[in-house]
Every structure is written in C-alpha cells, then in structure tokens.
Amino acid sequence: MAPFTEPASFPLLYRAFFLYIEPVATALGFVYAFFAPSLYLHMTMPSPISLATGLLPEATTLETIVLNQLGNMYLAFALNEAIVLRVTSDRKVWSAFLLGLLIADFGHLWSVHALGWQLYYRFWTWNSMHWGNLGFVYVGATMRTAFLLGVGINTNQPKPKRG
C-alpha cells in the first residue's frame, strides 16, 4: 500500500469517521483552543459577567498556556489518527491505536464532570462546545468500541503480508 492512501479493507463508515471526520473535528478543537483561547473558555463555561455584558473574558497567561497545550494535544491526536491509520490496513494496528483513543475518550468525558453530572444527559441544554466535548466524544467512543468488537468487519479476510 502506498503511503497515505486509504486502506480499503475496513467498512466505509469506519474509514470516513476515523480518517476524515474525526481528524477534522479534532483539528477544529486545536484551532479554538490555540488561536481563540478566550472564546474556547467562554464556550466551555460562560461566566455570569460575559453573559450579562456579551463580552468575552480575556484568558489569563496561565489559561492561555494551558489551552495552547490542550490545542497542541488536539493537533497531535488529529495528525496521528489521520496519518497512522492511513498507512496500514492491519487490524491489530488499528485496534491498538483506537484502544488508546478510547481510553482517552473516557478521560476526556471525566474531565467535563466539573461542570456537573447533569450536563452529561441534558443534551437539550448543550452549546456547541458541549456537543464537541460530550456528543462527539460519545460518538467517537461508540465507533471505537464497535470497531474493537468487530462490528461490520469481515474477519475472514486474508491477513496482510509481512515484510
């Protein structure tokens, strides 16, 4: 397989999500966290002052550093997923990589609990950031779980040749 081509051995839904949709969505998280930290903070948890005035809070130096680091992690996830999964059709590699991301999904979902447990199921109150931090992560975790369980994957395919 030529480098950076789409492995055809997996169903289209998995390829579309893991090779295109999720890397683009994750890169969008990078853009907001890295280049618009005040907006990222506001969308994560609007302050009463910003709600009343319509003005965004200015991110402190520490918040900017932390959000730049978070943005960098989003970028690393997006690039790794988009690149690593394109260079192989080996199910073991995909499974190992997606298991790591699934574990990270649970950590990401746990981090949101600081906003209150009721937020997890009150989707009708979510803003765009909550849809990204919860809704999209739920979808990603579900897709990873389905892949790891072999849902829709033909297990009778010949194994890739080594070396």
N, C-alpha and C. Protein backbone atom coordinates (compact mmCIF):
# COMPACT_ATOMS: atom_id res chain seq x y z
N MET A 1 0.85 -1.18 0.00
CA MET A 1 0.00 0.00 0.00
C MET A 1 0.90 1.24 0.00
N ALA A 2 0.61 2.18 -0.84
CA ALA A 2 1.38 3.42 -0.91
C ALA A 2 1.12 4.24 0.35
N PRO A 3 2.12 5.02 0.80
CA PRO A 3 1.91 5.83 1.99
C PRO A 3 0.75 6.81 1.81
N PHE A 4 0.01 7.01 2.89
CA PHE A 4 -1.08 7.99 2.97
C PHE A 4 -2.21 7.70 1.99
N THR A 5 -2.48 6.44 1.77
CA THR A 5 -3.66 6.09 0.99
C THR A 5 -4.68 5.48 1.95
N GLU A 6 -5.89 5.46 1.53
CA GLU A 6 -6.96 4.96 2.39
C GLU A 6 -7.01 3.44 2.34
N PRO A 7 -6.85 2.76 3.50
CA PRO A 7 -6.96 1.30 3.49
C PRO A 7 -8.39 0.89 3.18
N ALA A 8 -8.56 0.08 2.16
CA ALA A 8 -9.90 -0.29 1.71
C ALA A 8 -10.46 -1.50 2.44
N SER A 9 -9.69 -2.07 3.36
CA SER A 9 -10.11 -3.32 3.97
C SER A 9 -11.16 -3.15 5.08
N PHE A 10 -11.47 -1.94 5.47
CA PHE A 10 -12.45 -1.71 6.52
C PHE A 10 -13.69 -1.04 5.93
N PRO A 11 -14.84 -1.22 6.57
CA PRO A 11 -16.07 -0.60 6.06
C PRO A 11 -15.95 0.92 5.93
N LEU A 12 -16.68 1.45 4.96
CA LEU A 12 -16.64 2.87 4.64
C LEU A 12 -16.95 3.74 5.87
N LEU A 13 -17.88 3.35 6.70
CA LEU A 13 -18.24 4.15 7.87
C LEU A 13 -17.04 4.37 8.78
N TYR A 14 -16.27 3.31 9.04
CA TYR A 14 -15.07 3.44 9.88
C TYR A 14 -14.02 4.31 9.20
N ARG A 15 -13.80 4.07 7.91
CA ARG A 15 -12.79 4.86 7.19
C ARG A 15 -13.18 6.33 7.15
N ALA A 16 -14.44 6.61 6.87
CA ALA A 16 -14.90 8.01 6.81
C ALA A 16 -14.73 8.68 8.16
N PHE A 17 -15.13 8.00 9.22
CA PHE A 17 -15.06 8.63 10.54
C PHE A 17 -13.63 8.79 11.03
N PHE A 18 -12.85 7.70 11.00
CA PHE A 18 -11.50 7.74 11.58
C PHE A 18 -10.46 8.43 10.71
N LEU A 19 -10.67 8.47 9.41
CA LEU A 19 -9.68 9.08 8.53
C LEU A 19 -10.01 10.52 8.14
N TYR A 20 -11.27 10.91 8.25
CA TYR A 20 -11.66 12.24 7.78
C TYR A 20 -12.44 13.04 8.84
N ILE A 21 -13.58 12.53 9.26
CA ILE A 21 -14.48 13.30 10.13
C ILE A 21 -13.82 13.63 11.46
N GLU A 22 -13.33 12.61 12.16
CA GLU A 22 -12.76 12.87 13.48
C GLU A 22 -11.47 13.70 13.42
N PRO A 23 -10.53 13.42 12.52
CA PRO A 23 -9.35 14.29 12.48
C PRO A 23 -9.69 15.75 12.20
N VAL A 24 -10.65 16.01 11.32
CA VAL A 24 -11.03 17.40 11.03
C VAL A 24 -11.68 18.03 12.26
N ALA A 25 -12.58 17.30 12.92
CA ALA A 25 -13.24 17.84 14.12
C ALA A 25 -12.24 18.09 15.24
N THR A 26 -11.29 17.18 15.40
CA THR A 26 -10.27 17.35 16.43
C THR A 26 -9.35 18.53 16.10
N ALA A 27 -9.03 18.69 14.84
CA ALA A 27 -8.21 19.85 14.42
C ALA A 27 -8.96 21.15 14.69
N LEU A 28 -10.27 21.12 14.58
CA LEU A 28 -11.07 22.31 14.90
C LEU A 28 -10.93 22.66 16.38
N GLY A 29 -10.89 21.64 17.24
CA GLY A 29 -10.62 21.88 18.66
C GLY A 29 -9.29 22.55 18.86
N PHE A 30 -8.28 22.13 18.10
CA PHE A 30 -6.97 22.77 18.13
C PHE A 30 -7.07 24.25 17.78
N VAL A 31 -7.78 24.56 16.71
CA VAL A 31 -7.89 25.94 16.25
C VAL A 31 -8.49 26.82 17.35
N TYR A 32 -9.58 26.38 17.95
CA TYR A 32 -10.22 27.19 19.00
C TYR A 32 -9.34 27.30 20.24
N ALA A 33 -8.80 26.17 20.73
CA ALA A 33 -8.00 26.21 21.96
C ALA A 33 -6.72 27.01 21.77
N PHE A 34 -6.10 26.90 20.59
CA PHE A 34 -4.81 27.53 20.36
C PHE A 34 -4.92 28.98 19.92
N PHE A 35 -5.85 29.26 19.02
CA PHE A 35 -5.92 30.59 18.44
C PHE A 35 -7.02 31.48 19.02
N ALA A 36 -7.95 30.90 19.75
CA ALA A 36 -9.04 31.69 20.35
C ALA A 36 -9.31 31.22 21.78
N PRO A 37 -8.29 31.28 22.65
CA PRO A 37 -8.45 30.73 23.99
C PRO A 37 -9.58 31.38 24.79
N SER A 38 -9.79 32.69 24.64
CA SER A 38 -10.89 33.34 25.37
C SER A 38 -12.24 32.80 24.92
N LEU A 39 -12.40 32.65 23.62
CA LEU A 39 -13.65 32.09 23.09
C LEU A 39 -13.83 30.65 23.54
N TYR A 40 -12.75 29.88 23.52
CA TYR A 40 -12.80 28.49 23.98
C TYR A 40 -13.27 28.43 25.43
N LEU A 41 -12.69 29.28 26.28
CA LEU A 41 -13.11 29.32 27.69
C LEU A 41 -14.58 29.70 27.81
N HIS A 42 -14.99 30.71 27.09
CA HIS A 42 -16.38 31.18 27.15
C HIS A 42 -17.35 30.09 26.70
N MET A 43 -17.00 29.37 25.64
CA MET A 43 -17.90 28.33 25.14
C MET A 43 -17.92 27.12 26.09
N THR A 44 -16.81 26.89 26.81
CA THR A 44 -16.78 25.78 27.76
C THR A 44 -17.64 26.08 28.98
N MET A 45 -17.50 27.30 29.51
CA MET A 45 -18.28 27.69 30.69
C MET A 45 -18.41 29.20 30.73
N PRO A 46 -19.49 29.73 30.15
CA PRO A 46 -19.67 31.18 30.14
C PRO A 46 -19.77 31.73 31.57
N SER A 47 -19.10 32.83 31.81
CA SER A 47 -19.19 33.46 33.13
C SER A 47 -20.44 34.34 33.18
N PRO A 48 -20.97 34.57 34.39
CA PRO A 48 -22.15 35.45 34.51
C PRO A 48 -21.89 36.84 33.94
N ILE A 49 -20.66 37.34 34.08
CA ILE A 49 -20.33 38.67 33.57
C ILE A 49 -20.38 38.68 32.05
N SER A 50 -19.80 37.66 31.41
CA SER A 50 -19.80 37.63 29.95
C SER A 50 -21.21 37.43 29.41
N LEU A 51 -22.04 36.69 30.14
CA LEU A 51 -23.42 36.51 29.71
C LEU A 51 -24.19 37.82 29.80
N ALA A 52 -23.92 38.60 30.84
CA ALA A 52 -24.63 39.86 31.04
C ALA A 52 -24.16 40.95 30.08
N THR A 53 -22.84 40.97 29.82
CA THR A 53 -22.28 42.05 29.01
C THR A 53 -22.12 41.68 27.54
N GLY A 54 -22.07 40.37 27.26
CA GLY A 54 -21.82 39.92 25.89
C GLY A 54 -20.35 39.97 25.53
N LEU A 55 -19.50 40.36 26.48
CA LEU A 55 -18.06 40.44 26.24
C LEU A 55 -17.37 39.16 26.70
N LEU A 56 -16.39 38.72 25.93
CA LEU A 56 -15.66 37.53 26.31
C LEU A 56 -14.64 37.86 27.38
N PRO A 57 -14.44 36.95 28.35
CA PRO A 57 -13.38 37.18 29.33
C PRO A 57 -12.03 37.04 28.63
N GLU A 58 -11.06 37.79 29.06
CA GLU A 58 -9.72 37.67 28.49
C GLU A 58 -9.02 36.51 29.20
N ALA A 59 -8.46 35.61 28.44
CA ALA A 59 -7.76 34.47 29.02
C ALA A 59 -6.49 34.98 29.71
N THR A 60 -6.25 34.48 30.92
CA THR A 60 -5.02 34.84 31.63
C THR A 60 -3.84 34.15 30.94
N THR A 61 -2.65 34.54 31.32
CA THR A 61 -1.45 33.93 30.75
C THR A 61 -1.44 32.43 31.03
N LEU A 62 -1.77 32.04 32.26
CA LEU A 62 -1.78 30.63 32.61
C LEU A 62 -2.83 29.87 31.80
N GLU A 63 -4.02 30.44 31.69
CA GLU A 63 -5.08 29.80 30.90
C GLU A 63 -4.67 29.67 29.43
N THR A 64 -4.03 30.70 28.91
CA THR A 64 -3.58 30.65 27.52
C THR A 64 -2.54 29.55 27.33
N ILE A 65 -1.61 29.43 28.26
CA ILE A 65 -0.59 28.38 28.16
C ILE A 65 -1.25 27.00 28.19
N VAL A 66 -2.16 26.80 29.14
CA VAL A 66 -2.83 25.51 29.27
C VAL A 66 -3.66 25.20 28.02
N LEU A 67 -4.38 26.20 27.51
CA LEU A 67 -5.19 25.97 26.31
C LEU A 67 -4.33 25.76 25.07
N ASN A 68 -3.18 26.42 24.99
CA ASN A 68 -2.26 26.15 23.88
C ASN A 68 -1.74 24.71 23.96
N GLN A 69 -1.45 24.25 25.18
CA GLN A 69 -1.01 22.86 25.34
C GLN A 69 -2.14 21.90 24.97
N LEU A 70 -3.36 22.20 25.39
CA LEU A 70 -4.51 21.38 25.02
C LEU A 70 -4.68 21.37 23.51
N GLY A 71 -4.60 22.54 22.89
CA GLY A 71 -4.70 22.63 21.44
C GLY A 71 -3.64 21.80 20.76
N ASN A 72 -2.43 21.83 21.27
CA ASN A 72 -1.35 21.03 20.71
C ASN A 72 -1.67 19.54 20.81
N MET A 73 -2.29 19.12 21.91
CA MET A 73 -2.68 17.71 22.05
C MET A 73 -3.78 17.35 21.05
N TYR A 74 -4.74 18.25 20.86
CA TYR A 74 -5.76 18.02 19.83
C TYR A 74 -5.12 17.84 18.46
N LEU A 75 -4.16 18.69 18.16
CA LEU A 75 -3.47 18.59 16.88
C LEU A 75 -2.72 17.27 16.76
N ALA A 76 -2.05 16.86 17.84
CA ALA A 76 -1.32 15.58 17.83
C ALA A 76 -2.29 14.42 17.59
N PHE A 77 -3.44 14.43 18.28
CA PHE A 77 -4.43 13.37 18.08
C PHE A 77 -4.93 13.36 16.63
N ALA A 78 -5.24 14.54 16.11
CA ALA A 78 -5.78 14.63 14.75
C ALA A 78 -4.77 14.12 13.73
N LEU A 79 -3.52 14.56 13.85
CA LEU A 79 -2.49 14.14 12.89
C LEU A 79 -2.18 12.65 13.02
N ASN A 80 -2.06 12.17 14.25
CA ASN A 80 -1.77 10.75 14.44
C ASN A 80 -2.86 9.87 13.86
N GLU A 81 -4.11 10.23 14.13
CA GLU A 81 -5.21 9.42 13.60
C GLU A 81 -5.23 9.48 12.08
N ALA A 82 -5.11 10.67 11.53
CA ALA A 82 -5.18 10.83 10.08
C ALA A 82 -4.01 10.16 9.37
N ILE A 83 -2.83 10.16 9.98
CA ILE A 83 -1.65 9.61 9.32
C ILE A 83 -1.46 8.12 9.61
N VAL A 84 -1.44 7.74 10.88
CA VAL A 84 -1.15 6.35 11.24
C VAL A 84 -2.14 5.39 10.62
N LEU A 85 -3.43 5.71 10.70
CA LEU A 85 -4.43 4.78 10.18
C LEU A 85 -4.44 4.72 8.65
N ARG A 86 -3.85 5.70 8.00
CA ARG A 86 -3.78 5.69 6.53
C ARG A 86 -2.67 4.80 6.00
N VAL A 87 -1.67 4.53 6.80
CA VAL A 87 -0.50 3.81 6.29
C VAL A 87 -0.59 2.31 6.51
N THR A 88 -1.67 1.84 7.09
CA THR A 88 -1.79 0.40 7.31
C THR A 88 -3.25 -0.05 7.23
N SER A 89 -3.43 -1.28 6.83
CA SER A 89 -4.74 -1.89 6.89
C SER A 89 -4.71 -3.06 7.88
N ASP A 90 -3.66 -3.10 8.68
CA ASP A 90 -3.51 -4.15 9.69
C ASP A 90 -4.48 -3.87 10.84
N ARG A 91 -5.40 -4.79 11.05
CA ARG A 91 -6.42 -4.59 12.07
C ARG A 91 -5.81 -4.48 13.47
N LYS A 92 -4.70 -5.17 13.72
CA LYS A 92 -4.05 -5.08 15.03
C LYS A 92 -3.58 -3.66 15.31
N VAL A 93 -3.00 -3.02 14.30
CA VAL A 93 -2.52 -1.64 14.47
C VAL A 93 -3.71 -0.71 14.70
N TRP A 94 -4.74 -0.84 13.87
CA TRP A 94 -5.93 -0.01 14.05
C TRP A 94 -6.52 -0.23 15.44
N SER A 95 -6.62 -1.48 15.86
CA SER A 95 -7.22 -1.78 17.16
C SER A 95 -6.40 -1.20 18.30
N ALA A 96 -5.08 -1.35 18.25
CA ALA A 96 -4.22 -0.81 19.31
C ALA A 96 -4.35 0.71 19.38
N PHE A 97 -4.32 1.34 18.22
CA PHE A 97 -4.42 2.79 18.17
C PHE A 97 -5.78 3.26 18.69
N LEU A 98 -6.85 2.62 18.22
CA LEU A 98 -8.20 3.03 18.62
C LEU A 98 -8.48 2.71 20.09
N LEU A 99 -7.85 1.66 20.64
CA LEU A 99 -7.99 1.39 22.07
C LEU A 99 -7.39 2.53 22.88
N GLY A 100 -6.23 3.02 22.46
CA GLY A 100 -5.63 4.17 23.14
C GLY A 100 -6.53 5.38 23.11
N LEU A 101 -7.15 5.64 21.96
CA LEU A 101 -8.07 6.78 21.84
C LEU A 101 -9.34 6.55 22.67
N LEU A 102 -9.80 5.30 22.77
CA LEU A 102 -10.99 5.01 23.58
C LEU A 102 -10.71 5.29 25.05
N ILE A 103 -9.54 4.91 25.52
CA ILE A 103 -9.16 5.22 26.90
C ILE A 103 -9.11 6.74 27.10
N ALA A 104 -8.55 7.45 26.12
CA ALA A 104 -8.51 8.91 26.18
C ALA A 104 -9.92 9.50 26.17
N ASP A 105 -10.86 8.87 25.44
CA ASP A 105 -12.26 9.33 25.44
C ASP A 105 -12.82 9.34 26.86
N PHE A 106 -12.57 8.26 27.60
CA PHE A 106 -13.10 8.20 28.97
C PHE A 106 -12.47 9.28 29.84
N GLY A 107 -11.19 9.54 29.67
CA GLY A 107 -10.55 10.63 30.40
C GLY A 107 -11.14 11.97 30.03
N HIS A 108 -11.40 12.17 28.74
CA HIS A 108 -11.98 13.42 28.28
C HIS A 108 -13.39 13.60 28.86
N LEU A 109 -14.18 12.54 28.81
CA LEU A 109 -15.53 12.63 29.37
C LEU A 109 -15.49 12.90 30.87
N TRP A 110 -14.55 12.29 31.57
CA TRP A 110 -14.43 12.51 33.02
C TRP A 110 -14.09 13.97 33.30
N SER A 111 -13.26 14.57 32.47
CA SER A 111 -12.84 15.96 32.73
C SER A 111 -14.00 16.93 32.70
N VAL A 112 -15.06 16.61 31.99
CA VAL A 112 -16.20 17.52 31.87
C VAL A 112 -17.08 17.48 33.12
N HIS A 113 -16.91 16.48 33.98
CA HIS A 113 -17.79 16.37 35.15
C HIS A 113 -17.70 17.57 36.09
N ALA A 114 -16.65 18.36 35.97
CA ALA A 114 -16.54 19.57 36.80
C ALA A 114 -17.69 20.54 36.54
N LEU A 115 -18.33 20.43 35.37
CA LEU A 115 -19.47 21.29 35.04
C LEU A 115 -20.78 20.75 35.62
N GLY A 116 -20.73 19.59 36.25
CA GLY A 116 -21.92 18.99 36.86
C GLY A 116 -22.36 17.74 36.12
N TRP A 117 -22.73 16.73 36.86
CA TRP A 117 -23.11 15.44 36.28
C TRP A 117 -24.35 15.55 35.40
N GLN A 118 -25.25 16.47 35.75
CA GLN A 118 -26.49 16.59 34.98
C GLN A 118 -26.22 17.01 33.53
N LEU A 119 -25.09 17.63 33.28
CA LEU A 119 -24.76 18.07 31.92
C LEU A 119 -24.65 16.88 30.96
N TYR A 120 -24.21 15.73 31.45
CA TYR A 120 -23.98 14.57 30.59
C TYR A 120 -25.23 14.12 29.86
N TYR A 121 -26.36 14.20 30.50
CA TYR A 121 -27.58 13.69 29.87
C TYR A 121 -28.56 14.78 29.46
N ARG A 122 -28.32 16.02 29.82
CA ARG A 122 -29.22 17.12 29.45
C ARG A 122 -28.76 17.75 28.13
N PHE A 123 -28.77 16.94 27.09
CA PHE A 123 -28.24 17.37 25.79
C PHE A 123 -28.99 18.57 25.22
N TRP A 124 -30.23 18.76 25.61
CA TRP A 124 -31.00 19.89 25.10
C TRP A 124 -30.47 21.22 25.63
N THR A 125 -29.60 21.19 26.64
CA THR A 125 -29.02 22.42 27.17
C THR A 125 -27.61 22.67 26.63
N TRP A 126 -27.09 21.75 25.81
CA TRP A 126 -25.71 21.85 25.34
C TRP A 126 -25.52 22.99 24.35
N ASN A 127 -24.37 23.64 24.47
CA ASN A 127 -23.94 24.59 23.44
C ASN A 127 -22.99 23.85 22.49
N SER A 128 -22.40 24.55 21.55
CA SER A 128 -21.54 23.88 20.56
C SER A 128 -20.33 23.22 21.22
N MET A 129 -19.78 23.82 22.27
CA MET A 129 -18.63 23.22 22.94
C MET A 129 -19.03 21.93 23.64
N HIS A 130 -20.21 21.92 24.27
CA HIS A 130 -20.67 20.70 24.93
C HIS A 130 -20.93 19.59 23.91
N TRP A 131 -21.45 19.96 22.74
CA TRP A 131 -21.66 18.96 21.69
C TRP A 131 -20.32 18.36 21.27
N GLY A 132 -19.27 19.17 21.25
CA GLY A 132 -17.95 18.65 20.92
C GLY A 132 -17.35 17.84 22.06
N ASN A 133 -17.44 18.36 23.28
CA ASN A 133 -16.83 17.69 24.43
C ASN A 133 -17.59 16.48 24.92
N LEU A 134 -18.87 16.40 24.61
CA LEU A 134 -19.67 15.26 25.05
C LEU A 134 -20.23 14.48 23.86
N GLY A 135 -21.09 15.13 23.09
CA GLY A 135 -21.76 14.44 22.00
C GLY A 135 -20.80 13.79 21.02
N PHE A 136 -19.83 14.55 20.54
CA PHE A 136 -18.90 14.00 19.55
C PHE A 136 -18.02 12.92 20.18
N VAL A 137 -17.65 13.11 21.44
CA VAL A 137 -16.82 12.10 22.12
C VAL A 137 -17.63 10.82 22.33
N TYR A 138 -18.92 10.95 22.66
CA TYR A 138 -19.78 9.76 22.75
C TYR A 138 -19.79 9.00 21.42
N VAL A 139 -19.94 9.74 20.33
CA VAL A 139 -19.96 9.10 19.00
C VAL A 139 -18.62 8.43 18.72
N GLY A 140 -17.52 9.13 18.98
CA GLY A 140 -16.20 8.55 18.76
C GLY A 140 -15.97 7.30 19.59
N ALA A 141 -16.35 7.35 20.86
CA ALA A 141 -16.18 6.18 21.73
C ALA A 141 -17.04 5.02 21.25
N THR A 142 -18.23 5.32 20.77
CA THR A 142 -19.11 4.27 20.24
C THR A 142 -18.51 3.65 18.98
N MET A 143 -17.99 4.48 18.09
CA MET A 143 -17.36 3.98 16.87
C MET A 143 -16.13 3.12 17.20
N ARG A 144 -15.31 3.56 18.14
CA ARG A 144 -14.12 2.79 18.53
C ARG A 144 -14.52 1.45 19.15
N THR A 145 -15.53 1.49 20.01
CA THR A 145 -16.00 0.26 20.65
C THR A 145 -16.52 -0.71 19.60
N ALA A 146 -17.30 -0.21 18.66
CA ALA A 146 -17.84 -1.06 17.59
C ALA A 146 -16.70 -1.68 16.78
N PHE A 147 -15.70 -0.87 16.42
CA PHE A 147 -14.57 -1.40 15.66
C PHE A 147 -13.85 -2.48 16.46
N LEU A 148 -13.57 -2.18 17.74
CA LEU A 148 -12.84 -3.14 18.57
C LEU A 148 -13.61 -4.44 18.76
N LEU A 149 -14.94 -4.36 18.76
CA LEU A 149 -15.77 -5.56 18.87
C LEU A 149 -15.94 -6.26 17.53
N GLY A 150 -15.46 -5.65 16.46
CA GLY A 150 -15.54 -6.25 15.14
C GLY A 150 -16.87 -6.06 14.43
N VAL A 151 -17.67 -5.11 14.89
CA VAL A 151 -18.98 -4.88 14.27
C VAL A 151 -18.80 -4.45 12.82
N GLY A 152 -19.37 -5.23 11.90
CA GLY A 152 -19.33 -4.90 10.48
C GLY A 152 -18.03 -5.22 9.78
N ILE A 153 -17.08 -5.82 10.48
CA ILE A 153 -15.78 -6.12 9.89
C ILE A 153 -15.75 -7.58 9.48
N ASN A 154 -15.35 -7.81 8.23
CA ASN A 154 -15.22 -9.17 7.72
C ASN A 154 -13.96 -9.78 8.31
N THR A 155 -14.13 -10.76 9.20
CA THR A 155 -12.97 -11.37 9.85
C THR A 155 -12.38 -12.51 9.04
N ASN A 156 -12.95 -12.81 7.89
CA ASN A 156 -12.44 -13.89 7.04
C ASN A 156 -11.46 -13.37 5.99
N GLN A 157 -11.10 -12.09 6.06
CA GLN A 157 -10.18 -11.53 5.08
C GLN A 157 -8.78 -12.11 5.30
N PRO A 158 -8.01 -12.26 4.23
CA PRO A 158 -6.62 -12.73 4.41
C PRO A 158 -5.83 -11.71 5.20
N LYS A 159 -4.89 -12.19 5.99
CA LYS A 159 -4.06 -11.30 6.80
C LYS A 159 -3.03 -10.62 5.89
N PRO A 160 -2.69 -9.35 6.21
CA PRO A 160 -1.69 -8.66 5.38
C PRO A 160 -0.34 -9.37 5.45
N LYS A 161 0.38 -9.37 4.34
CA LYS A 161 1.69 -9.99 4.29
C LYS A 161 2.69 -9.13 5.04
N ARG A 162 3.60 -9.78 5.72
CA ARG A 162 4.64 -9.06 6.46
C ARG A 162 5.91 -9.03 5.61
N GLY A 163 6.61 -7.89 5.75
CA GLY A 163 7.92 -7.74 5.13
C GLY A 163 7.91 -7.87 3.71
